[in-house]
């Protein structure tokens, strides 16, 4: 079948916003997915505080500290870099931790949240940040995507 006749699959993005943020994350998430040519995703993002993400981090990852994001890959081919199934995941973001990071890095909370969103999506695509080399590669990729999406035309 010619590509122009292929049915377009709509991404399913849902955001639960418990903490106040200054932008519409669904629109940004759709932009990131389009940039990455992802047309079949079902993602749920929850934006909340450090106490909530700290408890999740202890419960699910045995880490006794707050973090900026926890990503659960629910795809059938979870953990594979070359995914063939739809991208599915639950992503939990601490707005409070993102704010702390933004302050220490000298940029806005909105920028930090967008970078964290990209970071979570990259995890779903198989990127990892457990070693310094992997972390460096992932940081470069997430900043490259952020910069490309925020370069004036």
N, C-alpha and C. Protein backbone atom coordinates (compact mmCIF):
# COMPACT_ATOMS: atom_id res chain seq x y z
N UNK A 1 0.85 -1.17 0.00
CA UNK A 1 0.00 0.00 0.00
C UNK A 1 0.90 1.24 0.00
N UNK A 2 0.65 2.23 -0.86
CA UNK A 2 1.46 3.46 -0.86
C UNK A 2 1.36 4.16 0.49
N UNK A 3 2.45 4.82 0.86
CA UNK A 3 2.49 5.46 2.18
C UNK A 3 1.40 6.52 2.35
N UNK A 4 0.98 7.17 1.27
CA UNK A 4 -0.06 8.19 1.40
C UNK A 4 -1.41 7.60 1.77
N UNK A 5 -1.57 6.29 1.58
CA UNK A 5 -2.84 5.64 1.93
C UNK A 5 -2.80 4.99 3.31
N UNK A 6 -1.66 5.05 3.98
CA UNK A 6 -1.57 4.45 5.30
C UNK A 6 -2.42 5.26 6.28
N UNK A 7 -3.19 4.57 7.10
CA UNK A 7 -3.95 5.31 8.10
C UNK A 7 -3.01 5.89 9.14
N UNK A 8 -3.26 7.11 9.55
CA UNK A 8 -2.47 7.75 10.60
C UNK A 8 -2.99 7.28 11.95
N UNK A 9 -2.10 6.89 12.81
CA UNK A 9 -2.48 6.50 14.15
C UNK A 9 -2.27 7.70 15.05
N UNK A 10 -3.27 8.03 15.82
CA UNK A 10 -3.20 9.19 16.71
C UNK A 10 -2.53 8.79 18.02
N UNK A 11 -1.60 9.61 18.45
CA UNK A 11 -1.00 9.39 19.75
C UNK A 11 -2.03 9.68 20.83
N UNK A 12 -1.98 8.92 21.90
CA UNK A 12 -2.87 9.11 23.04
C UNK A 12 -2.02 9.61 24.20
N UNK A 13 -2.15 10.89 24.50
CA UNK A 13 -1.37 11.53 25.55
C UNK A 13 -2.32 12.01 26.64
N UNK A 14 -2.04 11.65 27.87
CA UNK A 14 -2.86 12.11 28.99
C UNK A 14 -1.93 12.66 30.07
N UNK A 15 -2.28 13.82 30.60
CA UNK A 15 -1.46 14.44 31.66
C UNK A 15 -2.32 14.68 32.90
N UNK A 16 -1.84 14.19 34.03
CA UNK A 16 -2.42 14.50 35.34
C UNK A 16 -1.52 15.56 35.96
N UNK A 17 -2.07 16.73 36.19
CA UNK A 17 -1.25 17.82 36.70
C UNK A 17 -1.69 18.16 38.11
N UNK A 18 -0.88 17.75 39.07
CA UNK A 18 -1.17 18.00 40.48
C UNK A 18 -0.46 19.27 40.92
N UNK A 19 0.73 19.52 40.38
CA UNK A 19 1.48 20.74 40.68
C UNK A 19 1.28 21.74 39.55
N UNK A 20 1.38 23.02 39.86
CA UNK A 20 1.18 24.07 38.88
C UNK A 20 2.35 24.17 37.91
N UNK A 21 2.02 24.19 36.61
CA UNK A 21 3.03 24.42 35.58
C UNK A 21 2.49 25.46 34.62
N UNK A 22 3.40 26.13 33.89
CA UNK A 22 3.03 27.32 33.12
C UNK A 22 2.83 27.07 31.62
N UNK A 23 2.78 25.81 31.20
CA UNK A 23 2.59 25.55 29.77
C UNK A 23 1.72 24.30 29.63
N UNK A 24 1.28 24.04 28.42
CA UNK A 24 0.44 22.88 28.15
C UNK A 24 1.34 21.72 27.73
N UNK A 25 1.57 20.77 28.62
CA UNK A 25 2.53 19.72 28.29
C UNK A 25 2.10 18.83 27.13
N UNK A 26 0.80 18.61 26.96
CA UNK A 26 0.34 17.73 25.87
C UNK A 26 0.83 18.22 24.52
N UNK A 27 0.76 19.51 24.28
CA UNK A 27 1.20 20.08 23.01
C UNK A 27 2.69 19.87 22.81
N UNK A 28 3.48 20.10 23.85
CA UNK A 28 4.92 19.89 23.74
C UNK A 28 5.23 18.41 23.52
N UNK A 29 4.57 17.53 24.24
CA UNK A 29 4.79 16.09 24.08
C UNK A 29 4.49 15.65 22.66
N UNK A 30 3.37 16.13 22.10
CA UNK A 30 3.03 15.81 20.71
C UNK A 30 4.12 16.30 19.76
N UNK A 31 4.68 17.48 20.02
CA UNK A 31 5.74 18.03 19.18
C UNK A 31 6.99 17.15 19.24
N UNK A 32 7.34 16.69 20.44
CA UNK A 32 8.50 15.81 20.60
C UNK A 32 8.26 14.50 19.84
N UNK A 33 7.08 13.92 20.02
CA UNK A 33 6.77 12.66 19.34
C UNK A 33 6.81 12.82 17.82
N UNK A 34 6.29 13.93 17.32
CA UNK A 34 6.33 14.19 15.87
C UNK A 34 7.77 14.32 15.40
N UNK A 35 8.60 15.03 16.15
CA UNK A 35 10.00 15.19 15.80
C UNK A 35 10.71 13.84 15.72
N UNK A 36 10.34 12.93 16.62
CA UNK A 36 10.95 11.60 16.66
C UNK A 36 10.24 10.61 15.75
N UNK A 37 9.26 11.10 14.96
CA UNK A 37 8.49 10.27 14.02
C UNK A 37 7.76 9.13 14.73
N UNK A 38 7.24 9.42 15.91
CA UNK A 38 6.45 8.44 16.66
C UNK A 38 4.98 8.77 16.44
N UNK A 39 4.29 7.85 15.82
CA UNK A 39 2.88 8.07 15.49
C UNK A 39 1.94 7.17 16.27
N UNK A 40 2.48 6.28 17.08
CA UNK A 40 1.63 5.35 17.80
C UNK A 40 2.13 5.24 19.23
N UNK A 41 1.66 6.14 20.08
CA UNK A 41 2.08 6.17 21.47
C UNK A 41 0.88 6.32 22.38
N UNK A 42 0.98 5.70 23.53
CA UNK A 42 -0.01 5.88 24.58
C UNK A 42 0.78 6.17 25.85
N UNK A 43 0.78 7.44 26.22
CA UNK A 43 1.61 7.90 27.34
C UNK A 43 0.76 8.62 28.37
N UNK A 44 1.05 8.35 29.61
CA UNK A 44 0.39 9.07 30.70
C UNK A 44 1.47 9.73 31.55
N UNK A 45 1.38 11.05 31.67
CA UNK A 45 2.31 11.84 32.46
C UNK A 45 1.59 12.32 33.72
N UNK A 46 2.28 12.23 34.85
CA UNK A 46 1.75 12.79 36.09
C UNK A 46 2.80 13.77 36.62
N UNK A 47 2.37 14.99 36.88
CA UNK A 47 3.23 16.05 37.39
C UNK A 47 2.84 16.30 38.84
N UNK A 48 3.79 16.07 39.76
CA UNK A 48 3.47 16.27 41.16
C UNK A 48 4.69 16.69 41.96
N UNK A 49 4.73 16.42 43.28
CA UNK A 49 5.75 16.99 44.17
C UNK A 49 6.84 15.98 44.55
N UNK A 50 7.85 16.47 45.29
CA UNK A 50 8.97 15.63 45.71
C UNK A 50 8.56 14.51 46.66
N UNK A 51 7.63 14.79 47.57
CA UNK A 51 7.22 13.75 48.52
C UNK A 51 6.63 12.55 47.78
N UNK A 52 5.82 12.82 46.77
CA UNK A 52 5.18 11.73 46.02
C UNK A 52 6.19 10.94 45.20
N UNK A 53 7.09 11.64 44.51
CA UNK A 53 8.06 10.92 43.68
C UNK A 53 9.11 10.22 44.56
N UNK A 54 9.43 10.80 45.72
CA UNK A 54 10.35 10.15 46.66
C UNK A 54 9.78 8.81 47.09
N UNK A 55 8.51 8.79 47.43
CA UNK A 55 7.86 7.54 47.85
C UNK A 55 7.87 6.52 46.71
N UNK A 56 7.58 6.96 45.49
CA UNK A 56 7.62 6.05 44.33
C UNK A 56 9.04 5.53 44.11
N UNK A 57 10.03 6.40 44.24
CA UNK A 57 11.42 6.02 44.03
C UNK A 57 11.83 4.94 45.05
N UNK A 58 11.39 5.09 46.31
CA UNK A 58 11.68 4.08 47.34
C UNK A 58 10.96 2.77 47.03
N UNK A 59 9.69 2.88 46.69
CA UNK A 59 8.86 1.69 46.48
C UNK A 59 9.30 0.88 45.27
N UNK A 60 9.52 1.54 44.15
CA UNK A 60 9.76 0.82 42.90
C UNK A 60 11.23 0.65 42.52
N UNK A 61 12.09 1.56 42.98
CA UNK A 61 13.49 1.52 42.55
C UNK A 61 14.47 1.36 43.72
N UNK A 62 13.94 1.31 44.95
CA UNK A 62 14.78 1.19 46.15
C UNK A 62 15.79 2.32 46.27
N UNK A 63 15.41 3.52 45.84
CA UNK A 63 16.24 4.72 45.98
C UNK A 63 15.55 5.63 46.99
N UNK A 64 16.24 5.99 48.04
CA UNK A 64 15.64 6.78 49.12
C UNK A 64 15.90 8.28 48.93
N UNK A 65 15.47 8.83 47.79
CA UNK A 65 15.61 10.25 47.51
C UNK A 65 14.62 10.64 46.41
N UNK A 66 14.28 11.92 46.35
CA UNK A 66 13.43 12.37 45.24
C UNK A 66 14.25 12.43 43.95
N UNK A 67 13.58 12.34 42.84
CA UNK A 67 14.21 12.43 41.53
C UNK A 67 13.33 13.29 40.64
N UNK A 68 13.82 13.64 39.46
CA UNK A 68 13.01 14.48 38.58
C UNK A 68 11.95 13.68 37.82
N UNK A 69 12.27 12.44 37.42
CA UNK A 69 11.34 11.65 36.63
C UNK A 69 11.54 10.17 36.89
N UNK A 70 10.43 9.45 36.91
CA UNK A 70 10.44 7.99 36.91
C UNK A 70 9.60 7.57 35.72
N UNK A 71 10.17 6.69 34.90
CA UNK A 71 9.53 6.24 33.68
C UNK A 71 9.29 4.74 33.74
N UNK A 72 8.04 4.35 33.50
CA UNK A 72 7.69 2.93 33.42
C UNK A 72 7.34 2.62 31.98
N UNK A 73 8.14 1.77 31.36
CA UNK A 73 7.93 1.35 29.97
C UNK A 73 6.92 0.21 29.97
N UNK A 74 5.76 0.44 29.38
CA UNK A 74 4.70 -0.57 29.34
C UNK A 74 4.56 -1.18 27.95
N UNK A 75 5.50 -0.87 27.06
CA UNK A 75 5.46 -1.40 25.70
C UNK A 75 5.70 -2.90 25.71
N UNK A 76 5.18 -3.58 24.70
CA UNK A 76 5.38 -5.03 24.59
C UNK A 76 6.86 -5.36 24.45
N UNK A 77 7.62 -4.50 23.75
CA UNK A 77 9.05 -4.76 23.58
C UNK A 77 9.87 -3.82 24.48
N UNK A 78 9.43 -3.72 25.71
CA UNK A 78 10.07 -2.89 26.72
C UNK A 78 11.57 -3.17 26.79
N UNK A 79 12.36 -2.09 26.81
CA UNK A 79 13.80 -2.22 26.95
C UNK A 79 14.55 -2.38 25.64
N UNK A 80 13.86 -2.59 24.56
CA UNK A 80 14.52 -2.74 23.26
C UNK A 80 14.70 -1.37 22.63
N UNK A 81 15.83 -1.16 21.98
CA UNK A 81 16.08 0.13 21.34
C UNK A 81 15.27 0.26 20.06
N UNK A 82 15.21 -0.78 19.24
CA UNK A 82 14.45 -0.74 17.98
C UNK A 82 13.05 -1.28 18.25
N UNK A 83 12.16 -0.40 18.69
CA UNK A 83 10.81 -0.83 19.04
C UNK A 83 9.96 -1.02 17.80
N UNK A 84 9.14 -2.06 17.84
CA UNK A 84 8.19 -2.28 16.75
C UNK A 84 6.76 -2.16 17.25
N UNK A 85 6.55 -2.30 18.54
CA UNK A 85 5.20 -2.15 19.10
C UNK A 85 4.94 -0.68 19.43
N UNK A 86 3.69 -0.34 19.67
CA UNK A 86 3.40 1.05 20.06
C UNK A 86 4.18 1.44 21.32
N UNK A 87 4.55 2.71 21.39
CA UNK A 87 5.25 3.25 22.55
C UNK A 87 4.22 3.46 23.66
N UNK A 88 4.40 2.78 24.78
CA UNK A 88 3.47 2.90 25.89
C UNK A 88 4.23 3.11 27.18
N UNK A 89 3.76 4.04 28.01
CA UNK A 89 4.44 4.25 29.27
C UNK A 89 3.73 5.20 30.19
N UNK A 90 4.08 5.08 31.46
CA UNK A 90 3.63 6.00 32.50
C UNK A 90 4.87 6.75 32.97
N UNK A 91 4.78 8.08 32.98
CA UNK A 91 5.91 8.92 33.35
C UNK A 91 5.48 9.84 34.49
N UNK A 92 6.27 9.85 35.55
CA UNK A 92 5.97 10.64 36.74
C UNK A 92 7.07 11.68 36.91
N UNK A 93 6.66 12.95 36.97
CA UNK A 93 7.61 14.06 37.02
C UNK A 93 7.38 14.89 38.27
N UNK A 94 8.47 15.16 39.00
CA UNK A 94 8.40 16.05 40.16
C UNK A 94 8.66 17.48 39.69
N UNK A 95 7.63 18.29 39.73
CA UNK A 95 7.78 19.70 39.37
C UNK A 95 8.70 20.39 40.38
N UNK A 96 8.61 19.98 41.63
CA UNK A 96 9.46 20.55 42.68
C UNK A 96 10.94 20.26 42.40
N UNK A 97 11.28 19.02 42.04
CA UNK A 97 12.67 18.68 41.74
C UNK A 97 13.14 19.39 40.47
N UNK A 98 12.27 19.48 39.47
CA UNK A 98 12.61 20.19 38.23
C UNK A 98 12.90 21.67 38.53
N UNK A 99 12.15 22.25 39.47
CA UNK A 99 12.36 23.64 39.85
C UNK A 99 13.73 23.81 40.52
N UNK A 100 14.09 22.88 41.39
CA UNK A 100 15.41 22.93 42.05
C UNK A 100 16.51 22.84 40.99
N UNK A 101 16.36 21.91 40.04
CA UNK A 101 17.36 21.74 38.99
C UNK A 101 17.43 22.98 38.10
N UNK A 102 16.29 23.55 37.75
CA UNK A 102 16.28 24.76 36.91
C UNK A 102 17.03 25.89 37.60
N UNK A 103 16.80 26.07 38.88
CA UNK A 103 17.49 27.13 39.64
C UNK A 103 18.99 26.90 39.64
N UNK A 104 19.41 25.66 39.86
CA UNK A 104 20.86 25.40 39.92
C UNK A 104 21.51 25.51 38.55
N UNK A 105 20.73 25.28 37.49
CA UNK A 105 21.28 25.38 36.13
C UNK A 105 21.10 26.76 35.50
N UNK A 106 20.34 27.63 36.18
CA UNK A 106 20.17 29.00 35.71
C UNK A 106 19.22 29.15 34.53
N UNK A 107 18.22 28.27 34.44
CA UNK A 107 17.22 28.48 33.40
C UNK A 107 15.81 28.30 33.98
N UNK A 108 14.80 28.47 33.15
CA UNK A 108 13.42 28.48 33.62
C UNK A 108 12.91 27.09 33.98
N UNK A 109 11.89 27.06 34.81
CA UNK A 109 11.23 25.80 35.15
C UNK A 109 10.62 25.18 33.90
N UNK A 110 10.04 25.99 33.03
CA UNK A 110 9.45 25.45 31.80
C UNK A 110 10.50 24.71 30.97
N UNK A 111 11.67 25.31 30.80
CA UNK A 111 12.73 24.65 30.03
C UNK A 111 13.12 23.33 30.69
N UNK A 112 13.29 23.34 32.00
CA UNK A 112 13.69 22.11 32.70
C UNK A 112 12.63 21.03 32.58
N UNK A 113 11.37 21.41 32.72
CA UNK A 113 10.30 20.41 32.58
C UNK A 113 10.28 19.81 31.17
N UNK A 114 10.50 20.64 30.17
CA UNK A 114 10.53 20.14 28.79
C UNK A 114 11.71 19.18 28.58
N UNK A 115 12.85 19.51 29.15
CA UNK A 115 14.02 18.62 29.04
C UNK A 115 13.73 17.30 29.76
N UNK A 116 13.08 17.37 30.91
CA UNK A 116 12.74 16.16 31.66
C UNK A 116 11.73 15.31 30.88
N UNK A 117 10.77 15.94 30.22
CA UNK A 117 9.80 15.22 29.38
C UNK A 117 10.55 14.48 28.27
N UNK A 118 11.45 15.17 27.60
CA UNK A 118 12.25 14.54 26.54
C UNK A 118 13.05 13.37 27.11
N UNK A 119 13.64 13.58 28.27
CA UNK A 119 14.42 12.55 28.94
C UNK A 119 13.58 11.28 29.15
N UNK A 120 12.37 11.45 29.64
CA UNK A 120 11.49 10.31 29.87
C UNK A 120 11.13 9.58 28.58
N UNK A 121 10.85 10.33 27.54
CA UNK A 121 10.53 9.71 26.24
C UNK A 121 11.74 8.95 25.71
N UNK A 122 12.93 9.51 25.88
CA UNK A 122 14.14 8.80 25.45
C UNK A 122 14.32 7.49 26.21
N UNK A 123 13.98 7.48 27.50
CA UNK A 123 14.02 6.21 28.25
C UNK A 123 13.11 5.19 27.59
N UNK A 124 11.92 5.61 27.18
CA UNK A 124 10.98 4.69 26.54
C UNK A 124 11.50 4.19 25.20
N UNK A 125 12.39 4.95 24.60
CA UNK A 125 12.98 4.55 23.31
C UNK A 125 14.24 3.70 23.50
N UNK A 126 14.57 3.39 24.75
CA UNK A 126 15.70 2.50 25.00
C UNK A 126 16.97 3.17 25.47
N UNK A 127 16.97 4.49 25.58
CA UNK A 127 18.16 5.17 26.10
C UNK A 127 18.26 4.93 27.61
N UNK A 128 19.50 4.90 28.09
CA UNK A 128 19.73 4.66 29.51
C UNK A 128 20.72 5.70 30.02
N UNK A 129 20.75 5.88 31.33
CA UNK A 129 21.67 6.85 31.92
C UNK A 129 22.33 6.30 33.18
N UNK A 130 22.59 5.00 33.19
CA UNK A 130 23.16 4.35 34.36
C UNK A 130 24.68 4.48 34.43
N UNK A 131 25.35 4.68 33.29
CA UNK A 131 26.80 4.87 33.31
C UNK A 131 27.10 6.31 32.88
N UNK A 132 28.27 6.82 33.22
CA UNK A 132 28.62 8.19 32.79
C UNK A 132 28.56 8.35 31.26
N UNK A 133 28.99 7.33 30.53
CA UNK A 133 28.95 7.40 29.06
C UNK A 133 27.52 7.47 28.54
N UNK A 134 26.65 6.60 29.09
CA UNK A 134 25.25 6.60 28.68
C UNK A 134 24.57 7.91 29.06
N UNK A 135 24.89 8.40 30.25
CA UNK A 135 24.30 9.66 30.71
C UNK A 135 24.73 10.81 29.81
N UNK A 136 25.98 10.83 29.41
CA UNK A 136 26.49 11.87 28.52
C UNK A 136 25.78 11.83 27.17
N UNK A 137 25.61 10.62 26.63
CA UNK A 137 24.92 10.46 25.35
C UNK A 137 23.46 10.90 25.45
N UNK A 138 22.81 10.50 26.54
CA UNK A 138 21.40 10.86 26.73
C UNK A 138 21.23 12.37 26.93
N UNK A 139 22.11 12.97 27.74
CA UNK A 139 22.04 14.42 27.95
C UNK A 139 22.22 15.17 26.64
N UNK A 140 23.17 14.74 25.82
CA UNK A 140 23.40 15.40 24.53
C UNK A 140 22.17 15.27 23.64
N UNK A 141 21.57 14.09 23.62
CA UNK A 141 20.40 13.85 22.77
C UNK A 141 19.21 14.69 23.23
N UNK A 142 18.96 14.74 24.53
CA UNK A 142 17.80 15.49 25.01
C UNK A 142 17.99 16.99 24.78
N UNK A 143 19.20 17.50 24.93
CA UNK A 143 19.44 18.92 24.67
C UNK A 143 19.40 19.22 23.18
N UNK A 144 19.86 18.29 22.36
CA UNK A 144 19.76 18.46 20.90
C UNK A 144 18.29 18.58 20.48
N UNK A 145 17.45 17.70 21.00
CA UNK A 145 16.01 17.74 20.66
C UNK A 145 15.41 19.05 21.17
N UNK A 146 15.70 19.41 22.42
CA UNK A 146 15.16 20.66 22.97
C UNK A 146 15.57 21.85 22.10
N UNK A 147 16.86 21.93 21.77
CA UNK A 147 17.37 23.05 20.96
C UNK A 147 16.72 23.08 19.58
N UNK A 148 16.55 21.93 18.94
CA UNK A 148 15.91 21.88 17.62
C UNK A 148 14.47 22.36 17.68
N UNK A 149 13.77 22.01 18.76
CA UNK A 149 12.37 22.40 18.87
C UNK A 149 12.19 23.84 19.32
N UNK A 150 13.26 24.47 19.78
CA UNK A 150 13.16 25.86 20.25
C UNK A 150 14.03 26.82 19.46
N UNK A 151 14.44 26.41 18.25
CA UNK A 151 15.20 27.30 17.38
C UNK A 151 14.22 28.10 16.54
N UNK A 152 14.31 29.43 16.57
CA UNK A 152 13.40 30.23 15.74
C UNK A 152 13.58 29.92 14.26
N UNK A 153 12.46 29.91 13.54
CA UNK A 153 12.50 29.59 12.10
C UNK A 153 13.14 30.72 11.32
